[in-house]
Amino acid sequence: MKTTYATCAFLGFALLAGLSSRAQERQPGDAGPSAKTNIQSAPAPASGNQPRRGPGGFGGPIVLNPDDKPAFDDPPAGIDQKRENIPQGKLEMIEYESKTVGTKRKMQVYTPPGYSANQKYPVLYLLHGIGGDETEWQRFAHPNHLLDNLIADGKAVPMIIVMPNGRAQKDDRAGPNAMATAPAFAKFERDLLDDVIPAIQSRYSTYTNRESRALAGLSMGGGQTLNFGLGHLDTFAWVGGFSSAPNTKPPAQLVPDPAAAAQKLKLLWVSCGNKDGLIRISQGVHLYLKEKQVPHIWHVDGNGHDAAHWRNNLWLFAQRLFK
């Protein structure tokens, strides 16, 4: 699975990275295009390792900064395996009417054990990568089992998880050329805000305040999450980008008002693996947030651009939501 995803992602991100590299590599304080970036000029790790590329050369050179370290220990094994002796939530595929796209679309929805219309729940909207769809998170992390386990252990608040298709076009399959669908990922901003969220709130018993709404995603969905979540602080108070892709806007565009972001965000999570050739995207976001003193979690684990990173970070992120 890792190889299949990385191969697909590489073909798509090669062009995206080329289109966005100048904007992404500009860091606060750069004099201009000729100036070196913080990432490029970062000191080598203490071990003396030279800059390296991700698996198969994916993404580009990897240069680690001194604070590119894990914020938390790795989770134990089996975090997303079904446990028969605990209450189980429900996973269902539903349809909704998308005015943005002009058709009916599908999304997967997890409701926690004991879900009741007499109780209100917070909602996590969880976005997929460039080669995926509304079923991708199930292949990488089994969010329903992962949350069932956390809830049973008293580590997570009972919540609804919504896994929509982030490719807002009538034929929303990845197809043989996933990169060709990249514009539809940007268009999904309106589908999410105008169609997906209202559909969920009309069908399920949810809180509707921003403090009860979270957004997270992997890779291309991580870029969407940072773009949409930080661009709509009146809608989302909890934002998590896991190994975000080159569709991520330049940091100064993501957070043009650091003071407002610091005040409104309950949690901003930025993560990447230290073997991920796309780490410069997340590094750039972290460095900007650090300079502007916007509180956030910066978590760099030992993974690549792969399911282990996304699964582990969902487990870590979910435990901190809505508390």
C-alpha atoms as a PDB file:
ATOM      1  CA  MET A   1       0.000   0.000   0.000  1.00  0.00           C
ATOM      2  CA  LYS A   2       2.779   2.424   0.858  1.00  0.00           C
ATOM      3  CA  THR A   3       4.515   1.858  -2.464  1.00  0.00           C
ATOM      4  CA  THR A   4       1.310   2.239  -4.436  1.00  0.00           C
ATOM      5  CA  TYR A   5       0.388   5.476  -2.707  1.00  0.00           C
ATOM      6  CA  ALA A   6       3.876   6.970  -2.892  1.00  0.00           C
ATOM      7  CA  THR A   7       4.158   6.192  -6.597  1.00  0.00           C
ATOM      8  CA  CYS A   8       0.808   7.807  -7.325  1.00  0.00           C
ATOM      9  CA  ALA A   9       1.548  10.777  -5.116  1.00  0.00           C
ATOM     10  CA  PHE A  10       4.971  11.328  -6.637  1.00  0.00           C
ATOM     11  CA  LEU A  11       3.607  11.602 -10.164  1.00  0.00           C
ATOM     12  CA  GLY A  12       1.051  14.151  -9.033  1.00  0.00           C
ATOM     13  CA  PHE A  13       3.251  16.144  -6.679  1.00  0.00           C
ATOM     14  CA  ALA A  14       6.154  16.450  -9.112  1.00  0.00           C
ATOM     15  CA  LEU A  15       4.244  19.121 -10.990  1.00  0.00           C
ATOM     16  CA  LEU A  16       2.684  20.660  -7.883  1.00  0.00           C
ATOM     17  CA  ALA A  17       6.063  20.952  -6.223  1.00  0.00           C
ATOM     18  CA  GLY A  18       7.512  22.655  -9.261  1.00  0.00           C
ATOM     19  CA  LEU A  19       4.657  25.129  -9.442  1.00  0.00           C
ATOM     20  CA  SER A  20       4.744  26.031  -5.768  1.00  0.00           C
ATOM     21  CA  SER A  21       8.387  25.624  -4.776  1.00  0.00           C
ATOM     22  CA  ARG A  22       9.354  29.285  -4.924  1.00  0.00           C
ATOM     23  CA  ALA A  23       6.381  30.389  -2.871  1.00  0.00           C
ATOM     24  CA  GLN A  24       6.756  27.593  -0.350  1.00  0.00           C
ATOM     25  CA  GLU A  25      10.494  27.988   0.166  1.00  0.00           C
ATOM     26  CA  ARG A  26      10.314  31.726   0.894  1.00  0.00           C
ATOM     27  CA  GLN A  27      10.593  32.095   4.637  1.00  0.00           C
ATOM     28  CA  PRO A  28      10.036  35.095   6.908  1.00  0.00           C
ATOM     29  CA  GLY A  29      12.888  37.559   6.547  1.00  0.00           C
ATOM     30  CA  ASP A  30      13.989  36.470   3.055  1.00  0.00           C
ATOM     31  CA  ALA A  31      15.411  39.341   1.036  1.00  0.00           C
ATOM     32  CA  GLY A  32      14.042  37.948  -2.179  1.00  0.00           C
ATOM     33  CA  PRO A  33      14.313  35.085  -4.694  1.00  0.00           C
ATOM     34  CA  SER A  34      18.096  35.013  -4.439  1.00  0.00           C
ATOM     35  CA  ALA A  35      18.179  34.659  -0.661  1.00  0.00           C
ATOM     36  CA  LYS A  36      18.695  31.276   0.947  1.00  0.00           C
ATOM     37  CA  THR A  37      15.750  29.786   2.802  1.00  0.00           C
ATOM     38  CA  ASN A  38      15.784  28.730   6.426  1.00  0.00           C
ATOM     39  CA  ILE A  39      15.309  25.125   5.422  1.00  0.00           C
ATOM     40  CA  GLN A  40      18.079  25.083   2.843  1.00  0.00           C
ATOM     41  CA  SER A  41      20.515  26.689   5.245  1.00  0.00           C
ATOM     42  CA  ALA A  42      19.536  24.554   8.224  1.00  0.00           C
ATOM     43  CA  PRO A  43      22.383  22.856  10.072  1.00  0.00           C
ATOM     44  CA  ALA A  44      22.826  19.154   9.553  1.00  0.00           C
ATOM     45  CA  PRO A  45      21.460  16.841  12.268  1.00  0.00           C
ATOM     46  CA  ALA A  46      23.679  16.195  15.249  1.00  0.00           C
ATOM     47  CA  SER A  47      24.436  12.739  13.886  1.00  0.00           C
ATOM     48  CA  GLY A  48      26.290  14.320  10.982  1.00  0.00           C
ATOM     49  CA  ASN A  49      23.969  12.826   8.369  1.00  0.00           C
ATOM     50  CA  GLN A  50      24.009  14.586   5.040  1.00  0.00           C
ATOM     51  CA  PRO A  51      20.786  15.858   3.418  1.00  0.00           C
ATOM     52  CA  ARG A  52      18.910  12.889   2.029  1.00  0.00           C
ATOM     53  CA  ARG A  53      15.877  12.164  -0.062  1.00  0.00           C
ATOM     54  CA  GLY A  54      12.743  10.353   0.946  1.00  0.00           C
ATOM     55  CA  PRO A  55      12.027   6.779  -0.160  1.00  0.00           C
ATOM     56  CA  GLY A  56      12.787   6.448  -3.868  1.00  0.00           C
ATOM     57  CA  GLY A  57      13.839  10.109  -4.049  1.00  0.00           C
ATOM     58  CA  PHE A  58      10.259  11.135  -3.366  1.00  0.00           C
ATOM     59  CA  GLY A  59       9.703  14.851  -2.967  1.00  0.00           C
ATOM     60  CA  GLY A  60      13.186  16.275  -2.664  1.00  0.00           C
ATOM     61  CA  PRO A  61      16.196  16.634  -0.355  1.00  0.00           C
ATOM     62  CA  ILE A  62      15.557  16.307   3.380  1.00  0.00           C
ATOM     63  CA  VAL A  63      17.434  18.671   5.699  1.00  0.00           C
ATOM     64  CA  LEU A  64      16.419  18.520   9.348  1.00  0.00           C
ATOM     65  CA  ASN A  65      16.459  21.476  11.727  1.00  0.00           C
ATOM     66  CA  PRO A  66      17.374  21.042  15.407  1.00  0.00           C
ATOM     67  CA  ASP A  67      13.725  21.115  16.515  1.00  0.00           C
ATOM     68  CA  ASP A  68      12.485  18.661  13.883  1.00  0.00           C
ATOM     69  CA  LYS A  69      11.876  16.033  16.549  1.00  0.00           C
ATOM     70  CA  PRO A  70       8.989  13.973  17.907  1.00  0.00           C
ATOM     71  CA  ALA A  71       6.702  15.820  20.289  1.00  0.00           C
ATOM     72  CA  PHE A  72       5.273  12.487  21.487  1.00  0.00           C
ATOM     73  CA  ASP A  73       6.276   8.841  21.636  1.00  0.00           C
ATOM     74  CA  ASP A  74       5.019   6.515  18.927  1.00  0.00           C
ATOM     75  CA  PRO A  75       1.681   4.859  19.712  1.00  0.00           C
ATOM     76  CA  PRO A  76       1.557   1.212  20.763  1.00  0.00           C
ATOM     77  CA  ALA A  77       0.870  -1.454  18.151  1.00  0.00           C
ATOM     78  CA  GLY A  78      -2.697  -2.255  17.163  1.00  0.00           C
ATOM     79  CA  ILE A  79      -4.205   1.184  17.715  1.00  0.00           C
ATOM     80  CA  ASP A  80      -6.632   0.739  14.812  1.00  0.00           C
ATOM     81  CA  GLN A  81      -7.413  -2.947  15.279  1.00  0.00           C
ATOM     82  CA  LYS A  82     -10.954  -3.947  16.197  1.00  0.00           C
ATOM     83  CA  ARG A  83     -11.418  -5.010  19.816  1.00  0.00           C
ATOM     84  CA  GLU A  84     -14.397  -7.307  20.215  1.00  0.00           C
ATOM     85  CA  ASN A  85     -14.863  -6.695  23.938  1.00  0.00           C
ATOM     86  CA  ILE A  86     -15.697  -2.972  23.695  1.00  0.00           C
ATOM     87  CA  PRO A  87     -18.711  -1.013  22.355  1.00  0.00           C
ATOM     88  CA  GLN A  88     -18.555  -0.385  18.622  1.00  0.00           C
ATOM     89  CA  GLY A  89     -19.517   2.739  16.715  1.00  0.00           C
ATOM     90  CA  LYS A  90     -21.163   2.764  13.308  1.00  0.00           C
ATOM     91  CA  LEU A  91     -19.576   3.467   9.921  1.00  0.00           C
ATOM     92  CA  GLU A  92     -21.923   4.280   7.059  1.00  0.00           C
ATOM     93  CA  MET A  93     -21.745   5.663   3.544  1.00  0.00           C
ATOM     94  CA  ILE A  94     -24.229   8.451   2.900  1.00  0.00           C
ATOM     95  CA  GLU A  95     -25.138  10.696  -0.018  1.00  0.00           C
ATOM     96  CA  TYR A  96     -25.632  14.438   0.002  1.00  0.00           C
ATOM     97  CA  GLU A  97     -26.670  17.029  -2.531  1.00  0.00           C
ATOM     98  CA  SER A  98     -23.733  19.184  -3.589  1.00  0.00           C
ATOM     99  CA  LYS A  99     -24.791  22.543  -5.001  1.00  0.00           C
ATOM    100  CA  THR A 100     -21.107  23.332  -5.536  1.00  0.00           C
ATOM    101  CA  VAL A 101     -20.583  20.387  -7.882  1.00  0.00           C
ATOM    102  CA  GLY A 102     -24.146  20.061  -9.131  1.00  0.00           C
ATOM    103  CA  THR A 103     -24.615  16.395  -8.286  1.00  0.00           C
ATOM    104  CA  LYS A 104     -25.080  13.926  -5.441  1.00  0.00           C
ATOM    105  CA  ARG A 105     -21.855  12.964  -3.723  1.00  0.00           C
ATOM    106  CA  LYS A 106     -20.801  10.365  -1.154  1.00  0.00           C
ATOM    107  CA  MET A 107     -19.031  10.519   2.182  1.00  0.00           C
ATOM    108  CA  GLN A 108     -18.339   8.076   4.997  1.00  0.00           C
ATOM    109  CA  VAL A 109     -19.545   8.952   8.471  1.00  0.00           C
ATOM    110  CA  TYR A 110     -18.531   7.415  11.781  1.00  0.00           C
ATOM    111  CA  THR A 111     -20.842   7.800  14.753  1.00  0.00           C
ATOM    112  CA  PRO A 112     -19.485   6.777  18.170  1.00  0.00           C
ATOM    113  CA  PRO A 113     -20.763   3.912  20.339  1.00  0.00           C
ATOM    114  CA  GLY A 114     -24.115   4.735  21.884  1.00  0.00           C
ATOM    115  CA  TYR A 115     -24.828   7.543  19.428  1.00  0.00           C
ATOM    116  CA  SER A 116     -28.166   9.149  20.289  1.00  0.00           C
ATOM    117  CA  ALA A 117     -30.188  11.907  18.665  1.00  0.00           C
ATOM    118  CA  ASN A 118     -30.874  13.143  22.202  1.00  0.00           C
ATOM    119  CA  GLN A 119     -27.235  14.112  22.639  1.00  0.00           C
ATOM    120  CA  LYS A 120     -25.070  16.505  20.620  1.00  0.00           C
ATOM    121  CA  TYR A 121     -21.613  15.612  19.341  1.00  0.00           C
ATOM    122  CA  PRO A 122     -18.551  17.481  18.062  1.00  0.00           C
ATOM    123  CA  VAL A 123     -17.393  16.685  14.532  1.00  0.00           C
ATOM    124  CA  LEU A 124     -14.009  15.953  12.967  1.00  0.00           C
ATOM    125  CA  TYR A 125     -13.866  16.364   9.182  1.00  0.00           C
ATOM    126  CA  LEU A 126     -11.075  14.118   7.880  1.00  0.00           C
ATOM    127  CA  LEU A 127      -9.618  14.628   4.386  1.00  0.00           C
ATOM    128  CA  HIS A 128      -7.747  12.218   2.100  1.00  0.00           C
ATOM    129  CA  GLY A 129      -4.771  12.425  -0.284  1.00  0.00           C
ATOM    130  CA  ILE A 130      -4.417  13.089  -4.002  1.00  0.00           C
ATOM    131  CA  GLY A 131      -4.900   9.469  -5.029  1.00  0.00           C
ATOM    132  CA  GLY A 132      -7.678   8.690  -2.568  1.00  0.00           C
ATOM    133  CA  ASP A 133     -11.378   9.190  -2.046  1.00  0.00           C
ATOM    134  CA  GLU A 134     -13.948   8.927   0.739  1.00  0.00           C
ATOM    135  CA  THR A 135     -12.716   5.398   1.540  1.00  0.00           C
ATOM    136  CA  GLU A 136      -8.986   6.113   1.772  1.00  0.00           C
ATOM    137  CA  TRP A 137      -8.772   6.679   5.516  1.00  0.00           C
ATOM    138  CA  GLN A 138     -10.366   3.265   6.024  1.00  0.00           C
ATOM    139  CA  ARG A 139      -7.515   1.670   4.115  1.00  0.00           C
ATOM    140  CA  PHE A 140      -4.807   3.521   6.026  1.00  0.00           C
ATOM    141  CA  ALA A 141      -6.101   3.781   9.570  1.00  0.00           C
ATOM    142  CA  HIS A 142      -9.574   2.296  10.247  1.00  0.00           C
ATOM    143  CA  PRO A 143     -10.710   5.472  12.026  1.00  0.00           C
ATOM    144  CA  ASN A 144     -13.830   3.743  13.364  1.00  0.00           C
ATOM    145  CA  HIS A 145     -11.822   1.123  15.274  1.00  0.00           C
ATOM    146  CA  LEU A 146      -9.189   3.673  16.277  1.00  0.00           C
ATOM    147  CA  LEU A 147     -11.825   5.945  17.834  1.00  0.00           C
ATOM    148  CA  ASP A 148     -13.762   3.057  19.379  1.00  0.00           C
ATOM    149  CA  ASN A 149     -10.551   2.040  21.157  1.00  0.00           C
ATOM    150  CA  LEU A 150      -9.707   5.561  22.327  1.00  0.00           C
ATOM    151  CA  ILE A 151     -13.239   6.183  23.581  1.00  0.00           C
ATOM    152  CA  ALA A 152     -13.319   2.851  25.409  1.00  0.00           C
ATOM    153  CA  ASP A 153     -10.023   3.729  27.111  1.00  0.00           C
ATOM    154  CA  GLY A 154     -11.316   7.160  28.117  1.00  0.00           C
ATOM    155  CA  LYS A 155      -8.724   8.897  25.930  1.00  0.00           C
ATOM    156  CA  ALA A 156     -11.020  10.584  23.423  1.00  0.00           C
ATOM    157  CA  VAL A 157     -14.301  12.461  23.520  1.00  0.00           C
ATOM    158  CA  PRO A 158     -17.143  10.682  21.663  1.00  0.00           C
ATOM    159  CA  MET A 159     -17.245  12.413  18.296  1.00  0.00           C
ATOM    160  CA  ILE A 160     -18.561  12.093  14.775  1.00  0.00           C
ATOM    161  CA  ILE A 161     -15.960  11.677  12.024  1.00  0.00           C
ATOM    162  CA  VAL A 162     -16.840  12.703   8.483  1.00  0.00           C
ATOM    163  CA  MET A 163     -14.706  11.455   5.583  1.00  0.00           C
ATOM    164  CA  PRO A 164     -15.835  13.232   2.409  1.00  0.00           C
ATOM    165  CA  ASN A 165     -14.414  13.099  -1.104  1.00  0.00           C
ATOM    166  CA  GLY A 166     -12.119  16.109  -1.399  1.00  0.00           C
ATOM    167  CA  ARG A 167     -12.186  16.070  -5.183  1.00  0.00           C
ATOM    168  CA  ALA A 168     -15.091  18.424  -5.967  1.00  0.00           C
ATOM    169  CA  GLN A 169     -16.041  17.425  -9.501  1.00  0.00           C
ATOM    170  CA  LYS A 170     -18.783  15.272 -10.995  1.00  0.00           C
ATOM    171  CA  ASP A 171     -16.430  12.379 -11.760  1.00  0.00           C
ATOM    172  CA  ASP A 172     -14.712  12.407  -8.398  1.00  0.00           C
ATOM    173  CA  ARG A 173     -12.598   9.274  -8.871  1.00  0.00           C
ATOM    174  CA  ALA A 174      -8.814   9.686  -8.982  1.00  0.00           C
ATOM    175  CA  GLY A 175      -8.603   8.034 -12.399  1.00  0.00           C
ATOM    176  CA  PRO A 176      -5.340   7.174 -14.169  1.00  0.00           C
ATOM    177  CA  ASN A 177      -4.015  10.739 -13.756  1.00  0.00           C
ATOM    178  CA  ALA A 178      -4.772  11.943 -10.241  1.00  0.00           C
ATOM    179  CA  MET A 179      -2.828  15.155 -10.841  1.00  0.00           C
ATOM    180  CA  ALA A 180      -5.391  16.254 -13.429  1.00  0.00           C
ATOM    181  CA  THR A 181      -7.952  16.481 -10.631  1.00  0.00           C
ATOM    182  CA  ALA A 182      -5.872  18.917  -8.535  1.00  0.00           C
ATOM    183  CA  PRO A 183      -8.103  21.952  -9.304  1.00  0.00           C
ATOM    184  CA  ALA A 184     -11.062  20.033  -7.854  1.00  0.00           C
ATOM    185  CA  PHE A 185      -9.247  19.817  -4.508  1.00  0.00           C
ATOM    186  CA  ALA A 186      -9.194  23.625  -4.319  1.00  0.00           C
ATOM    187  CA  LYS A 187     -12.860  23.793  -5.346  1.00  0.00           C
ATOM    188  CA  PHE A 188     -13.707  21.499  -2.435  1.00  0.00           C
ATOM    189  CA  GLU A 189     -13.393  24.473  -0.080  1.00  0.00           C
ATOM    190  CA  ARG A 190     -16.872  25.620  -1.095  1.00  0.00           C
ATOM    191  CA  ASP A 191     -18.300  22.090  -1.139  1.00  0.00           C
ATOM    192  CA  LEU A 192     -17.058  21.543   2.421  1.00  0.00           C
ATOM    193  CA  LEU A 193     -18.402  24.823   3.765  1.00  0.00           C
ATOM    194  CA  ASP A 194     -21.614  25.125   1.764  1.00  0.00           C
ATOM    195  CA  ASP A 195     -22.701  21.506   1.296  1.00  0.00           C
ATOM    196  CA  VAL A 196     -20.871  18.936   3.438  1.00  0.00           C
ATOM    197  CA  ILE A 197     -21.123  20.689   6.814  1.00  0.00           C
ATOM    198  CA  PRO A 198     -24.805  21.675   6.379  1.00  0.00           C
ATOM    199  CA  ALA A 199     -25.636  18.116   5.270  1.00  0.00           C
ATOM    200  CA  ILE A 200     -24.006  16.637   8.368  1.00  0.00           C
ATOM    201  CA  GLN A 201     -25.681  19.127  10.692  1.00  0.00           C
ATOM    202  CA  SER A 202     -29.093  18.402   9.194  1.00  0.00           C
ATOM    203  CA  ARG A 203     -28.732  14.624   9.399  1.00  0.00           C
ATOM    204  CA  TYR A 204     -26.848  14.110  12.673  1.00  0.00           C
ATOM    205  CA  SER A 205     -27.125  15.544  16.166  1.00  0.00           C
ATOM    206  CA  THR A 206     -24.117  17.858  16.216  1.00  0.00           C
ATOM    207  CA  TYR A 207     -22.942  20.974  17.930  1.00  0.00           C
ATOM    208  CA  THR A 208     -22.749  23.818  15.425  1.00  0.00           C
ATOM    209  CA  ASN A 209     -20.261  26.144  17.124  1.00  0.00           C
ATOM    210  CA  ARG A 210     -16.693  26.457  15.857  1.00  0.00           C
ATOM    211  CA  GLU A 211     -15.269  25.107  19.119  1.00  0.00           C
ATOM    212  CA  SER A 212     -16.954  21.764  18.311  1.00  0.00           C
ATOM    213  CA  ARG A 213     -15.649  21.479  14.767  1.00  0.00           C
ATOM    214  CA  ALA A 214     -12.244  20.113  13.723  1.00  0.00           C
ATOM    215  CA  LEU A 215     -10.533  19.650  10.357  1.00  0.00           C
ATOM    216  CA  ALA A 216      -7.596  17.350   9.598  1.00  0.00           C
ATOM    217  CA  GLY A 217      -6.116  15.613   6.595  1.00  0.00           C
ATOM    218  CA  LEU A 218      -3.219  13.704   5.097  1.00  0.00           C
ATOM    219  CA  SER A 219      -0.941  14.839   2.253  1.00  0.00           C
ATOM    220  CA  MET A 220      -3.127  16.671  -0.301  1.00  0.00           C
ATOM    221  CA  GLY A 221      -5.838  16.682   2.366  1.00  0.00           C
ATOM    222  CA  GLY A 222      -3.316  18.107   4.807  1.00  0.00           C
ATOM    223  CA  GLY A 223      -2.783  21.020   2.452  1.00  0.00           C
ATOM    224  CA  GLN A 224      -6.538  21.454   2.124  1.00  0.00           C
ATOM    225  CA  THR A 225      -6.843  21.375   5.899  1.00  0.00           C
ATOM    226  CA  LEU A 226      -4.307  24.141   6.458  1.00  0.00           C
ATOM    227  CA  ASN A 227      -5.709  26.208   3.586  1.00  0.00           C
ATOM    228  CA  PHE A 228      -9.367  25.877   4.548  1.00  0.00           C
ATOM    229  CA  GLY A 229      -9.055  25.555   8.311  1.00  0.00           C
ATOM    230  CA  LEU A 230      -6.733  28.506   8.805  1.00  0.00           C
ATOM    231  CA  GLY A 231      -8.661  30.447   6.201  1.00  0.00           C
ATOM    232  CA  HIS A 232     -11.915  29.992   8.116  1.00  0.00           C
ATOM    233  CA  LEU A 233     -11.155  30.449  11.796  1.00  0.00           C
ATOM    234  CA  ASP A 234     -14.814  31.296  12.313  1.00  0.00           C
ATOM    235  CA  THR A 235     -15.660  27.714  11.286  1.00  0.00           C
ATOM    236  CA  PHE A 236     -12.842  25.534  12.667  1.00  0.00           C
ATOM    237  CA  ALA A 237     -11.092  25.767  16.038  1.00  0.00           C
ATOM    238  CA  TRP A 238      -9.045  22.555  15.709  1.00  0.00           C
ATOM    239  CA  VAL A 239      -6.782  22.081  12.667  1.00  0.00           C
ATOM    240  CA  GLY A 240      -4.358  19.248  11.839  1.00  0.00           C
ATOM    241  CA  GLY A 241      -2.150  18.890   8.760  1.00  0.00           C
ATOM    242  CA  PHE A 242      -0.373  15.539   8.466  1.00  0.00           C
ATOM    243  CA  SER A 243       2.575  15.583   5.978  1.00  0.00           C
ATOM    244  CA  SER A 244       0.884  18.339   4.000  1.00  0.00           C
ATOM    245  CA  ALA A 245       1.486  18.482   0.261  1.00  0.00           C
ATOM    246  CA  PRO A 246       2.642  21.308  -2.062  1.00  0.00           C
ATOM    247  CA  ASN A 247      -0.944  22.500  -2.493  1.00  0.00           C
ATOM    248  CA  THR A 248      -0.439  24.179   0.902  1.00  0.00           C
ATOM    249  CA  LYS A 249      -0.455  27.969   0.591  1.00  0.00           C
ATOM    250  CA  PRO A 250       2.668  29.940   1.599  1.00  0.00           C
ATOM    251  CA  PRO A 251       2.718  30.392   5.389  1.00  0.00           C
ATOM    252  CA  ALA A 252       2.137  34.153   5.332  1.00  0.00           C
ATOM    253  CA  GLN A 253      -1.005  33.548   3.274  1.00  0.00           C
ATOM    254  CA  LEU A 254      -2.156  30.762   5.575  1.00  0.00           C
ATOM    255  CA  VAL A 255      -1.851  32.951   8.660  1.00  0.00           C
ATOM    256  CA  PRO A 256      -1.965  36.632   7.636  1.00  0.00           C
ATOM    257  CA  ASP A 257      -3.101  37.631  11.138  1.00  0.00           C
ATOM    258  CA  PRO A 258      -1.034  35.641  13.658  1.00  0.00           C
ATOM    259  CA  ALA A 259      -2.687  37.313  16.630  1.00  0.00           C
ATOM    260  CA  ALA A 260      -6.158  36.252  15.488  1.00  0.00           C
ATOM    261  CA  ALA A 261      -4.977  32.695  14.848  1.00  0.00           C
ATOM    262  CA  ALA A 262      -3.361  32.513  18.280  1.00  0.00           C
ATOM    263  CA  GLN A 263      -6.554  33.722  19.905  1.00  0.00           C
ATOM    264  CA  LYS A 264      -9.061  31.589  18.019  1.00  0.00           C
ATOM    265  CA  LEU A 265      -7.346  28.240  17.531  1.00  0.00           C
ATOM    266  CA  LYS A 266      -7.829  25.616  20.222  1.00  0.00           C
ATOM    267  CA  LEU A 267      -5.215  23.383  18.585  1.00  0.00           C
ATOM    268  CA  LEU A 268      -3.040  23.684  15.491  1.00  0.00           C
ATOM    269  CA  TRP A 269      -1.200  20.462  14.676  1.00  0.00           C
ATOM    270  CA  VAL A 270       1.564  20.280  12.042  1.00  0.00           C
ATOM    271  CA  SER A 271       3.361  16.979  11.511  1.00  0.00           C
ATOM    272  CA  CYS A 272       5.625  15.156   9.091  1.00  0.00           C
ATOM    273  CA  GLY A 273       7.974  12.201   8.999  1.00  0.00           C
ATOM    274  CA  ASN A 274      11.730  12.750   8.942  1.00  0.00           C
ATOM    275  CA  LYS A 275      11.980  10.433   5.931  1.00  0.00           C
ATOM    276  CA  ASP A 276       9.312  12.328   3.974  1.00  0.00           C
ATOM    277  CA  GLY A 277      10.632  14.186   0.924  1.00  0.00           C
ATOM    278  CA  LEU A 278       7.809  16.713   1.318  1.00  0.00           C
ATOM    279  CA  ILE A 279       8.892  17.754   4.808  1.00  0.00           C
ATOM    280  CA  ARG A 280       9.957  21.219   3.610  1.00  0.00           C
ATOM    281  CA  ILE A 281       6.274  22.142   3.264  1.00  0.00           C
ATOM    282  CA  SER A 282       5.521  21.448   6.919  1.00  0.00           C
ATOM    283  CA  GLN A 283       8.871  22.869   8.034  1.00  0.00           C
ATOM    284  CA  GLY A 284       8.012  26.153   6.343  1.00  0.00           C
ATOM    285  CA  VAL A 285       4.671  26.339   8.128  1.00  0.00           C
ATOM    286  CA  HIS A 286       6.248  25.492  11.482  1.00  0.00           C
ATOM    287  CA  LEU A 287       9.060  28.054  11.115  1.00  0.00           C
ATOM    288  CA  TYR A 288       6.578  30.812  10.292  1.00  0.00           C
ATOM    289  CA  LEU A 289       4.285  29.902  13.181  1.00  0.00           C
ATOM    290  CA  LYS A 290       7.256  29.772  15.529  1.00  0.00           C
ATOM    291  CA  GLU A 291       8.507  33.201  14.428  1.00  0.00           C
ATOM    292  CA  LYS A 292       5.033  34.726  14.719  1.00  0.00           C
ATOM    293  CA  GLN A 293       4.472  33.063  18.111  1.00  0.00           C
ATOM    294  CA  VAL A 294       1.355  31.167  17.065  1.00  0.00           C
ATOM    295  CA  PRO A 295       0.948  28.206  19.468  1.00  0.00           C
ATOM    296  CA  HIS A 296       1.040  24.862  17.676  1.00  0.00           C
ATOM    297  CA  ILE A 297       2.202  21.267  17.932  1.00  0.00           C
ATOM    298  CA  TRP A 298       5.182  20.411  15.724  1.00  0.00           C
ATOM    299  CA  HIS A 299       5.598  16.639  15.583  1.00  0.00           C
ATOM    300  CA  VAL A 300       8.294  15.025  13.428  1.00  0.00           C
ATOM    301  CA  ASP A 301       8.348  11.251  13.732  1.00  0.00           C
ATOM    302  CA  GLY A 302      10.506   8.612  12.086  1.00  0.00           C
ATOM    303  CA  ASN A 303       8.161   7.767   9.217  1.00  0.00           C
ATOM    304  CA  GLY A 304       7.982   8.674   5.547  1.00  0.00           C
ATOM    305  CA  HIS A 305       5.032   9.801   3.443  1.00  0.00           C
ATOM    306  CA  ASP A 306       3.076   6.772   4.521  1.00  0.00           C
ATOM    307  CA  ALA A 307       0.151   5.220   6.335  1.00  0.00           C
ATOM    308  CA  ALA A 308       2.082   4.790   9.601  1.00  0.00           C
ATOM    309  CA  HIS A 309       2.523   8.556   9.929  1.00  0.00           C
ATOM    310  CA  TRP A 310      -1.111   9.324   9.127  1.00  0.00           C
ATOM    311  CA  ARG A 311      -2.526   6.614  11.393  1.00  0.00           C
ATOM    312  CA  ASN A 312      -0.279   7.554  14.319  1.00  0.00           C
ATOM    313  CA  ASN A 313      -1.023  11.251  14.023  1.00  0.00           C
ATOM    314  CA  LEU A 314      -4.756  10.682  13.838  1.00  0.00           C
ATOM    315  CA  TRP A 315      -4.451   8.704  17.088  1.00  0.00           C
ATOM    316  CA  LEU A 316      -2.445  11.475  18.763  1.00  0.00           C
ATOM    317  CA  PHE A 317      -4.588  14.317  17.382  1.00  0.00           C
ATOM    318  CA  ALA A 318      -7.966  12.759  18.207  1.00  0.00           C
ATOM    319  CA  GLN A 319      -7.075  12.439  21.898  1.00  0.00           C
ATOM    320  CA  ARG A 320      -6.618  16.197  22.179  1.00  0.00           C
ATOM    321  CA  LEU A 321      -9.789  17.298  20.423  1.00  0.00           C
ATOM    322  CA  PHE A 322     -12.765  18.984  22.058  1.00  0.00           C
ATOM    323  CA  LYS A 323     -11.221  19.120  25.526  1.00  0.00           C
END
